Amino acid sequence: DVIPGEKMSMQAIENYLRGLPEEKLREILN
C-alpha cells in the first residue's frame, strides 16, 4: 500500500522503514 510493486526493492523497503517510529518499525519487522 505504500510501495508500488514495480518500485519494490530492498532499497525502497529500507528507505520506508527508516522513516517509521520505533513501535511501527517493530510491528512490521516482527
Full PDB file with SEQRES, HELIX, SHEET, SSBOND, CRYST1, ORIGX, SCALE, CONECT and MASTER records, all heavy atoms in Angstrom:
SEQRES   1 A   30  ASP VAL ILE PRO GLY GLU LYS MET SER MET GLN ALA ILE          
SEQRES   2 A   30  GLU ASN TYR LEU ARG GLY LEU PRO GLU GLU LYS LEU ARG          
SEQRES   3 A   30  GLU ILE LEU ASN                                              
HELIX    1 AA1 GLY A    5  LYS A    7  5                                   3    
HELIX    2 AA2 MET A   10  LEU A   17  1                                   8    
HELIX    3 AA3 GLU A   22  LEU A   29  1                                   8    
CRYST1    1.000    1.000    1.000  90.00  90.00  90.00 P 1           1          
ORIGX1      1.000000  0.000000  0.000000        0.00000                         
ORIGX2      0.000000  1.000000  0.000000        0.00000                         
ORIGX3      0.000000  0.000000  1.000000        0.00000                         
SCALE1      1.000000  0.000000  0.000000        0.00000                         
SCALE2      0.000000  1.000000  0.000000        0.00000                         
SCALE3      0.000000  0.000000  1.000000        0.00000                         
ATOM      1  N   ASP A   1       0.819  -1.219   0.000  1.00  0.00           N  
ATOM      2  CA  ASP A   1       0.000   0.000   0.000  1.00  0.00           C  
ATOM      3  C   ASP A   1       0.852   1.267   0.000  1.00  0.00           C  
ATOM      4  O   ASP A   1       0.345   2.349  -0.326  1.00  0.00           O  
ATOM      5  CB  ASP A   1      -0.928   0.018   1.216  1.00  0.00           C  
ATOM      6  CG  ASP A   1      -2.007  -1.047   1.139  1.00  0.00           C  
ATOM      7  OD1 ASP A   1      -2.303  -1.487   0.015  1.00  0.00           O  
ATOM      8  OD2 ASP A   1      -2.535  -1.439   2.188  1.00  0.00           O  
ATOM      9  N   VAL A   2       2.126   1.136   0.364  1.00  0.00           N  
ATOM     10  CA  VAL A   2       2.984   2.320   0.444  1.00  0.00           C  
ATOM     11  C   VAL A   2       4.122   2.295  -0.577  1.00  0.00           C  
ATOM     12  O   VAL A   2       4.721   3.332  -0.868  1.00  0.00           O  
ATOM     13  CB  VAL A   2       3.563   2.480   1.868  1.00  0.00           C  
ATOM     14  CG1 VAL A   2       2.462   2.814   2.854  1.00  0.00           C  
ATOM     15  CG2 VAL A   2       4.329   1.239   2.306  1.00  0.00           C  
ATOM     16  N   ILE A   3       4.429   1.103  -1.114  1.00  0.00           N  
ATOM     17  CA  ILE A   3       5.467   0.981  -2.140  1.00  0.00           C  
ATOM     18  C   ILE A   3       4.877   0.229  -3.329  1.00  0.00           C  
ATOM     19  O   ILE A   3       4.530  -0.941  -3.201  1.00  0.00           O  
ATOM     20  CB  ILE A   3       6.714   0.228  -1.620  1.00  0.00           C  
ATOM     21  CG1 ILE A   3       7.279   0.889  -0.365  1.00  0.00           C  
ATOM     22  CG2 ILE A   3       7.798   0.170  -2.713  1.00  0.00           C  
ATOM     23  CD1 ILE A   3       8.436   0.124   0.260  1.00  0.00           C  
ATOM     24  N   PRO A   4       4.728   0.877  -4.491  1.00  0.00           N  
ATOM     25  CA  PRO A   4       4.170   0.195  -5.665  1.00  0.00           C  
ATOM     26  C   PRO A   4       5.003  -1.028  -6.029  1.00  0.00           C  
ATOM     27  O   PRO A   4       6.228  -1.050  -5.826  1.00  0.00           O  
ATOM     28  CB  PRO A   4       4.253   1.259  -6.768  1.00  0.00           C  
ATOM     29  CG  PRO A   4       4.358   2.564  -6.051  1.00  0.00           C  
ATOM     30  CD  PRO A   4       5.087   2.283  -4.773  1.00  0.00           C  
ATOM     31  N   GLY A   5       4.339  -2.049  -6.567  1.00  0.00           N  
ATOM     32  CA  GLY A   5       5.002  -3.297  -6.893  1.00  0.00           C  
ATOM     33  C   GLY A   5       6.210  -3.131  -7.784  1.00  0.00           C  
ATOM     34  O   GLY A   5       7.258  -3.754  -7.567  1.00  0.00           O  
ATOM     35  N   GLU A   6       6.101  -2.245  -8.792  1.00  0.00           N  
ATOM     36  CA  GLU A   6       7.216  -2.051  -9.715  1.00  0.00           C  
ATOM     37  C   GLU A   6       8.395  -1.325  -9.064  1.00  0.00           C  
ATOM     38  O   GLU A   6       9.513  -1.333  -9.588  1.00  0.00           O  
ATOM     39  CB  GLU A   6       6.763  -1.285 -10.966  1.00  0.00           C  
ATOM     40  CG  GLU A   6       6.365   0.161 -10.738  1.00  0.00           C  
ATOM     41  CD  GLU A   6       4.921   0.333 -10.274  1.00  0.00           C  
ATOM     42  OE1 GLU A   6       4.298  -0.704  -9.950  1.00  0.00           O  
ATOM     43  OE2 GLU A   6       4.438   1.466 -10.254  1.00  0.00           O  
ATOM     44  N   LYS A   7       8.150  -0.690  -7.910  1.00  0.00           N  
ATOM     45  CA  LYS A   7       9.205   0.033  -7.201  1.00  0.00           C  
ATOM     46  C   LYS A   7       9.738  -0.745  -5.998  1.00  0.00           C  
ATOM     47  O   LYS A   7      10.657  -0.292  -5.311  1.00  0.00           O  
ATOM     48  CB  LYS A   7       8.682   1.387  -6.715  1.00  0.00           C  
ATOM     49  CG  LYS A   7       8.267   2.353  -7.826  1.00  0.00           C  
ATOM     50  CD  LYS A   7       9.467   2.859  -8.592  1.00  0.00           C  
ATOM     51  CE  LYS A   7       9.073   3.928  -9.598  1.00  0.00           C  
ATOM     52  NZ  LYS A   7      10.251   4.421 -10.363  1.00  0.00           N  
ATOM     53  N   MET A   8       9.154  -1.918  -5.733  1.00  0.00           N  
ATOM     54  CA  MET A   8       9.531  -2.689  -4.560  1.00  0.00           C  
ATOM     55  C   MET A   8      10.952  -3.219  -4.709  1.00  0.00           C  
ATOM     56  O   MET A   8      11.268  -3.936  -5.658  1.00  0.00           O  
ATOM     57  CB  MET A   8       8.558  -3.851  -4.346  1.00  0.00           C  
ATOM     58  CG  MET A   8       8.730  -4.573  -3.021  1.00  0.00           C  
ATOM     59  SD  MET A   8       8.182  -3.596  -1.596  1.00  0.00           S  
ATOM     60  CE  MET A   8       6.387  -3.651  -1.811  1.00  0.00           C  
ATOM     61  N   SER A   9      11.813  -2.851  -3.780  1.00  0.00           N  
ATOM     62  CA  SER A   9      13.191  -3.320  -3.760  1.00  0.00           C  
ATOM     63  C   SER A   9      13.696  -3.237  -2.338  1.00  0.00           C  
ATOM     64  O   SER A   9      13.049  -2.640  -1.462  1.00  0.00           O  
ATOM     65  CB  SER A   9      14.080  -2.472  -4.686  1.00  0.00           C  
ATOM     66  OG  SER A   9      14.209  -1.152  -4.179  1.00  0.00           O  
ATOM     67  N   MET A  10      14.854  -3.807  -2.087  1.00  0.00           N  
ATOM     68  CA  MET A  10      15.433  -3.733  -0.758  1.00  0.00           C  
ATOM     69  C   MET A  10      15.680  -2.282  -0.360  1.00  0.00           C  
ATOM     70  O   MET A  10      15.424  -1.878   0.780  1.00  0.00           O  
ATOM     71  CB  MET A  10      16.740  -4.517  -0.704  1.00  0.00           C  
ATOM     72  CG  MET A  10      17.327  -4.623   0.699  1.00  0.00           C  
ATOM     73  SD  MET A  10      18.926  -5.445   0.704  1.00  0.00           S  
ATOM     74  CE  MET A  10      19.945  -4.153  -0.045  1.00  0.00           C  
ATOM     75  N   GLN A  11      16.153  -1.482  -1.318  1.00  0.00           N  
ATOM     76  CA  GLN A  11      16.423  -0.075  -1.023  1.00  0.00           C  
ATOM     77  C   GLN A  11      15.149   0.686  -0.700  1.00  0.00           C  
ATOM     78  O   GLN A  11      15.117   1.497   0.234  1.00  0.00           O  
ATOM     79  CB  GLN A  11      17.129   0.583  -2.217  1.00  0.00           C  
ATOM     80  CG  GLN A  11      18.561   0.112  -2.419  1.00  0.00           C  
ATOM     81  CD  GLN A  11      18.670  -1.114  -3.315  1.00  0.00           C  
ATOM     82  OE1 GLN A  11      17.702  -1.858  -3.468  1.00  0.00           O  
ATOM     83  NE2 GLN A  11      19.831  -1.329  -3.895  1.00  0.00           N  
ATOM     84  N   ALA A  12      14.083   0.426  -1.462  1.00  0.00           N  
ATOM     85  CA  ALA A  12      12.813   1.106  -1.212  1.00  0.00           C  
ATOM     86  C   ALA A  12      12.244   0.719   0.154  1.00  0.00           C  
ATOM     87  O   ALA A  12      11.714   1.571   0.886  1.00  0.00           O  
ATOM     88  CB  ALA A  12      11.815   0.779  -2.315  1.00  0.00           C  
ATOM     89  N   ILE A  13      12.369  -0.559   0.489  1.00  0.00           N  
ATOM     90  CA  ILE A  13      11.874  -1.026   1.787  1.00  0.00           C  
ATOM     91  C   ILE A  13      12.670  -0.381   2.913  1.00  0.00           C  
ATOM     92  O   ILE A  13      12.111   0.106   3.899  1.00  0.00           O  
ATOM     93  CB  ILE A  13      11.959  -2.561   1.873  1.00  0.00           C  
ATOM     94  CG1 ILE A  13      10.979  -3.205   0.885  1.00  0.00           C  
ATOM     95  CG2 ILE A  13      11.675  -3.034   3.294  1.00  0.00           C  
ATOM     96  CD1 ILE A  13      11.109  -4.704   0.787  1.00  0.00           C  
ATOM     97  N   GLU A  14      13.989  -0.354   2.775  1.00  0.00           N  
ATOM     98  CA  GLU A  14      14.824   0.244   3.822  1.00  0.00           C  
ATOM     99  C   GLU A  14      14.516   1.724   3.998  1.00  0.00           C  
ATOM    100  O   GLU A  14      14.408   2.219   5.138  1.00  0.00           O  
ATOM    101  CB  GLU A  14      16.308   0.055   3.497  1.00  0.00           C  
ATOM    102  CG  GLU A  14      17.216   0.660   4.560  1.00  0.00           C  
ATOM    103  CD  GLU A  14      18.690   0.430   4.291  1.00  0.00           C  
ATOM    104  OE1 GLU A  14      19.020  -0.319   3.351  1.00  0.00           O  
ATOM    105  OE2 GLU A  14      19.508   1.026   5.020  1.00  0.00           O  
ATOM    106  N   ASN A  15      14.382   2.442   2.900  1.00  0.00           N  
ATOM    107  CA  ASN A  15      14.074   3.875   2.996  1.00  0.00           C  
ATOM    108  C   ASN A  15      12.753   4.114   3.719  1.00  0.00           C  
ATOM    109  O   ASN A  15      12.629   5.053   4.525  1.00  0.00           O  
ATOM    110  CB  ASN A  15      14.017   4.487   1.595  1.00  0.00           C  
ATOM    111  CG  ASN A  15      15.383   4.579   0.945  1.00  0.00           C  
ATOM    112  OD1 ASN A  15      16.400   4.573   1.628  1.00  0.00           O  
ATOM    113  ND2 ASN A  15      15.409   4.650  -0.371  1.00  0.00           N  
ATOM    114  N   TYR A  16      11.773   3.279   3.458  1.00  0.00           N  
ATOM    115  CA  TYR A  16      10.483   3.430   4.136  1.00  0.00           C  
ATOM    116  C   TYR A  16      10.609   3.110   5.631  1.00  0.00           C  
ATOM    117  O   TYR A  16      10.105   3.858   6.480  1.00  0.00           O  
ATOM    118  CB  TYR A  16       9.445   2.514   3.496  1.00  0.00           C  
ATOM    119  CG  TYR A  16       8.116   2.524   4.226  1.00  0.00           C  
ATOM    120  CD1 TYR A  16       7.265   3.619   4.138  1.00  0.00           C  
ATOM    121  CD2 TYR A  16       7.737   1.446   5.028  1.00  0.00           C  
ATOM    122  CE1 TYR A  16       6.056   3.638   4.833  1.00  0.00           C  
ATOM    123  CE2 TYR A  16       6.536   1.460   5.713  1.00  0.00           C  
ATOM    124  CZ  TYR A  16       5.699   2.560   5.617  1.00  0.00           C  
ATOM    125  OH  TYR A  16       4.514   2.582   6.304  1.00  0.00           O  
ATOM    126  N   LEU A  17      11.298   2.025   5.939  1.00  0.00           N  
ATOM    127  CA  LEU A  17      11.425   1.627   7.337  1.00  0.00           C  
ATOM    128  C   LEU A  17      12.142   2.683   8.168  1.00  0.00           C  
ATOM    129  O   LEU A  17      11.804   2.911   9.335  1.00  0.00           O  
ATOM    130  CB  LEU A  17      12.179   0.296   7.429  1.00  0.00           C  
ATOM    131  CG  LEU A  17      11.487  -0.942   6.852  1.00  0.00           C  
ATOM    132  CD1 LEU A  17      12.396  -2.164   6.978  1.00  0.00           C  
ATOM    133  CD2 LEU A  17      10.151  -1.209   7.543  1.00  0.00           C  
ATOM    134  N   ARG A  18      13.121   3.350   7.586  1.00  0.00           N  
ATOM    135  CA  ARG A  18      13.899   4.328   8.345  1.00  0.00           C  
ATOM    136  C   ARG A  18      13.101   5.582   8.680  1.00  0.00           C  
ATOM    137  O   ARG A  18      13.518   6.389   9.508  1.00  0.00           O  
ATOM    138  CB  ARG A  18      15.179   4.685   7.594  1.00  0.00           C  
ATOM    139  CG  ARG A  18      16.154   3.516   7.511  1.00  0.00           C  
ATOM    140  CD  ARG A  18      17.571   3.928   7.295  1.00  0.00           C  
ATOM    141  NE  ARG A  18      18.458   2.763   7.250  1.00  0.00           N  
ATOM    142  CZ  ARG A  18      18.938   2.143   8.325  1.00  0.00           C  
ATOM    143  NH1 ARG A  18      18.612   2.588   9.532  1.00  0.00           N  
ATOM    144  NH2 ARG A  18      19.731   1.089   8.209  1.00  0.00           N  
ATOM    145  N   GLY A  19      11.943   5.753   8.073  1.00  0.00           N  
ATOM    146  CA  GLY A  19      11.094   6.887   8.392  1.00  0.00           C  
ATOM    147  C   GLY A  19      10.013   6.583   9.405  1.00  0.00           C  
ATOM    148  O   GLY A  19       9.189   7.454   9.722  1.00  0.00           O  
ATOM    149  N   LEU A  20      10.009   5.360   9.947  1.00  0.00           N  
ATOM    150  CA  LEU A  20       8.954   4.943  10.876  1.00  0.00           C  
ATOM    151  C   LEU A  20       9.361   5.142  12.329  1.00  0.00           C  
ATOM    152  O   LEU A  20      10.541   5.005  12.677  1.00  0.00           O  
ATOM    153  CB  LEU A  20       8.620   3.461  10.656  1.00  0.00           C  
ATOM    154  CG  LEU A  20       8.049   3.059   9.294  1.00  0.00           C  
ATOM    155  CD1 LEU A  20       7.833   1.553   9.246  1.00  0.00           C  
ATOM    156  CD2 LEU A  20       6.750   3.789   9.012  1.00  0.00           C  
ATOM    157  N   PRO A  21       8.393   5.407  13.200  1.00  0.00           N  
ATOM    158  CA  PRO A  21       8.677   5.412  14.636  1.00  0.00           C  
ATOM    159  C   PRO A  21       8.958   3.990  15.108  1.00  0.00           C  
ATOM    160  O   PRO A  21       8.589   3.007  14.448  1.00  0.00           O  
ATOM    161  CB  PRO A  21       7.382   5.959  15.252  1.00  0.00           C  
ATOM    162  CG  PRO A  21       6.322   5.685  14.225  1.00  0.00           C  
ATOM    163  CD  PRO A  21       6.994   5.773  12.895  1.00  0.00           C  
ATOM    164  N   GLU A  22       9.635   3.863  16.250  1.00  0.00           N  
ATOM    165  CA  GLU A  22      10.097   2.567  16.752  1.00  0.00           C  
ATOM    166  C   GLU A  22       8.980   1.526  16.824  1.00  0.00           C  
ATOM    167  O   GLU A  22       9.141   0.376  16.396  1.00  0.00           O  
ATOM    168  CB  GLU A  22      10.722   2.762  18.146  1.00  0.00           C  
ATOM    169  CG  GLU A  22      11.098   1.468  18.862  1.00  0.00           C  
ATOM    170  CD  GLU A  22      12.300   0.753  18.255  1.00  0.00           C  
ATOM    171  OE1 GLU A  22      13.030   1.410  17.476  1.00  0.00           O  
ATOM    172  OE2 GLU A  22      12.500  -0.427  18.558  1.00  0.00           O  
ATOM    173  N   GLU A  23       7.828   1.903  17.372  1.00  0.00           N  
ATOM    174  CA  GLU A  23       6.743   0.940  17.567  1.00  0.00           C  
ATOM    175  C   GLU A  23       6.239   0.386  16.230  1.00  0.00           C  
ATOM    176  O   GLU A  23       6.032  -0.823  16.080  1.00  0.00           O  
ATOM    177  CB  GLU A  23       5.585   1.601  18.325  1.00  0.00           C  
ATOM    178  CG  GLU A  23       4.450   0.642  18.658  1.00  0.00           C  
ATOM    179  CD  GLU A  23       3.353   1.308  19.473  1.00  0.00           C  
ATOM    180  OE1 GLU A  23       3.566   2.446  19.971  1.00  0.00           O  
ATOM    181  OE2 GLU A  23       2.275   0.702  19.619  1.00  0.00           O  
ATOM    182  N   LYS A  24       6.054   1.262  15.244  1.00  0.00           N  
ATOM    183  CA  LYS A  24       5.585   0.828  13.935  1.00  0.00           C  
ATOM    184  C   LYS A  24       6.649   0.001  13.226  1.00  0.00           C  
ATOM    185  O   LYS A  24       6.341  -0.996  12.554  1.00  0.00           O  
ATOM    186  CB  LYS A  24       5.208   2.043  13.089  1.00  0.00           C  
ATOM    187  CG  LYS A  24       4.668   1.715  11.709  1.00  0.00           C  
ATOM    188  CD  LYS A  24       3.382   0.895  11.773  1.00  0.00           C  
ATOM    189  CE  LYS A  24       2.818   0.642  10.387  1.00  0.00           C  
ATOM    190  NZ  LYS A  24       1.590  -0.171  10.409  1.00  0.00           N  
ATOM    191  N   LEU A  25       7.914   0.385  13.379  1.00  0.00           N  
ATOM    192  CA  LEU A  25       9.010  -0.373  12.773  1.00  0.00           C  
ATOM    193  C   LEU A  25       9.007  -1.807  13.292  1.00  0.00           C  
ATOM    194  O   LEU A  25       9.082  -2.764  12.509  1.00  0.00           O  
ATOM    195  CB  LEU A  25      10.345   0.305  13.090  1.00  0.00           C  
ATOM    196  CG  LEU A  25      11.604  -0.474  12.712  1.00  0.00           C  
ATOM    197  CD1 LEU A  25      11.695  -0.656  11.205  1.00  0.00           C  
ATOM    198  CD2 LEU A  25      12.853   0.210  13.261  1.00  0.00           C  
ATOM    199  N   ARG A  26       8.925  -1.960  14.602  1.00  0.00           N  
ATOM    200  CA  ARG A  26       8.937  -3.300  15.194  1.00  0.00           C  
ATOM    201  C   ARG A  26       7.725  -4.112  14.744  1.00  0.00           C  
ATOM    202  O   ARG A  26       7.815  -5.322  14.531  1.00  0.00           O  
ATOM    203  CB  ARG A  26       8.968  -3.196  16.718  1.00  0.00           C  
ATOM    204  CG  ARG A  26      10.291  -2.750  17.286  1.00  0.00           C  
ATOM    205  CD  ARG A  26      11.393  -3.734  16.974  1.00  0.00           C  
ATOM    206  NE  ARG A  26      12.685  -3.307  17.501  1.00  0.00           N  
ATOM    207  CZ  ARG A  26      13.828  -3.944  17.260  1.00  0.00           C  
ATOM    208  NH1 ARG A  26      13.826  -5.019  16.488  1.00  0.00           N  
ATOM    209  NH2 ARG A  26      14.966  -3.503  17.753  1.00  0.00           N  
ATOM    210  N   GLU A  27       6.605  -3.458  14.614  1.00  0.00           N  
ATOM    211  CA  GLU A  27       5.387  -4.150  14.178  1.00  0.00           C  
ATOM    212  C   GLU A  27       5.592  -4.795  12.805  1.00  0.00           C  
ATOM    213  O   GLU A  27       5.177  -5.929  12.572  1.00  0.00           O  
ATOM    214  CB  GLU A  27       4.226  -3.165  14.127  1.00  0.00           C  
ATOM    215  CG  GLU A  27       2.913  -3.786  13.655  1.00  0.00           C  
ATOM    216  CD  GLU A  27       1.808  -2.758  13.497  1.00  0.00           C  
ATOM    217  OE1 GLU A  27       1.901  -1.685  14.137  1.00  0.00           O  
ATOM    218  OE2 GLU A  27       0.871  -3.017  12.718  1.00  0.00           O  
ATOM    219  N   ILE A  28       6.249  -4.058  11.917  1.00  0.00           N  
ATOM    220  CA  ILE A  28       6.473  -4.585  10.565  1.00  0.00           C  
ATOM    221  C   ILE A  28       7.565  -5.654  10.568  1.00  0.00           C  
ATOM    222  O   ILE A  28       7.402  -6.734   9.980  1.00  0.00           O  
ATOM    223  CB  ILE A  28       6.836  -3.447   9.596  1.00  0.00           C  
ATOM    224  CG1 ILE A  28       5.628  -2.526   9.409  1.00  0.00           C  
ATOM    225  CG2 ILE A  28       7.298  -4.008   8.248  1.00  0.00           C  
ATOM    226  CD1 ILE A  28       5.887  -1.336   8.520  1.00  0.00           C  
ATOM    227  N   LEU A  29       8.683  -5.383  11.231  1.00  0.00           N  
ATOM    228  CA  LEU A  29       9.770  -6.366  11.253  1.00  0.00           C  
ATOM    229  C   LEU A  29       9.325  -7.682  11.873  1.00  0.00           C  
ATOM    230  O   LEU A  29       9.741  -8.765  11.438  1.00  0.00           O  
ATOM    231  CB  LEU A  29      10.971  -5.805  12.034  1.00  0.00           C  
ATOM    232  CG  LEU A  29      11.652  -4.563  11.473  1.00  0.00           C  
ATOM    233  CD1 LEU A  29      12.884  -4.222  12.300  1.00  0.00           C  
ATOM    234  CD2 LEU A  29      12.028  -4.747  10.010  1.00  0.00           C  
ATOM    235  N   ASN A  30       8.462  -7.607  12.883  1.00  0.00           N  
ATOM    236  CA  ASN A  30       8.003  -8.815  13.567  1.00  0.00           C  
ATOM    237  C   ASN A  30       7.045  -9.652  12.729  1.00  0.00           C  
ATOM    238  O   ASN A  30       6.693 -10.770  13.123  1.00  0.00           O  
ATOM    239  CB  ASN A  30       7.344  -8.449  14.898  1.00  0.00           C  
ATOM    240  CG  ASN A  30       8.342  -7.963  15.924  1.00  0.00           C  
ATOM    241  OD1 ASN A  30       9.536  -8.244  15.841  1.00  0.00           O  
ATOM    242  ND2 ASN A  30       7.863  -7.207  16.908  1.00  0.00           N  
TER     243      ASN A  30                                                      
MASTER        0    0    0    3    0    0    0    6  242    1    0    3          
END                                                                             
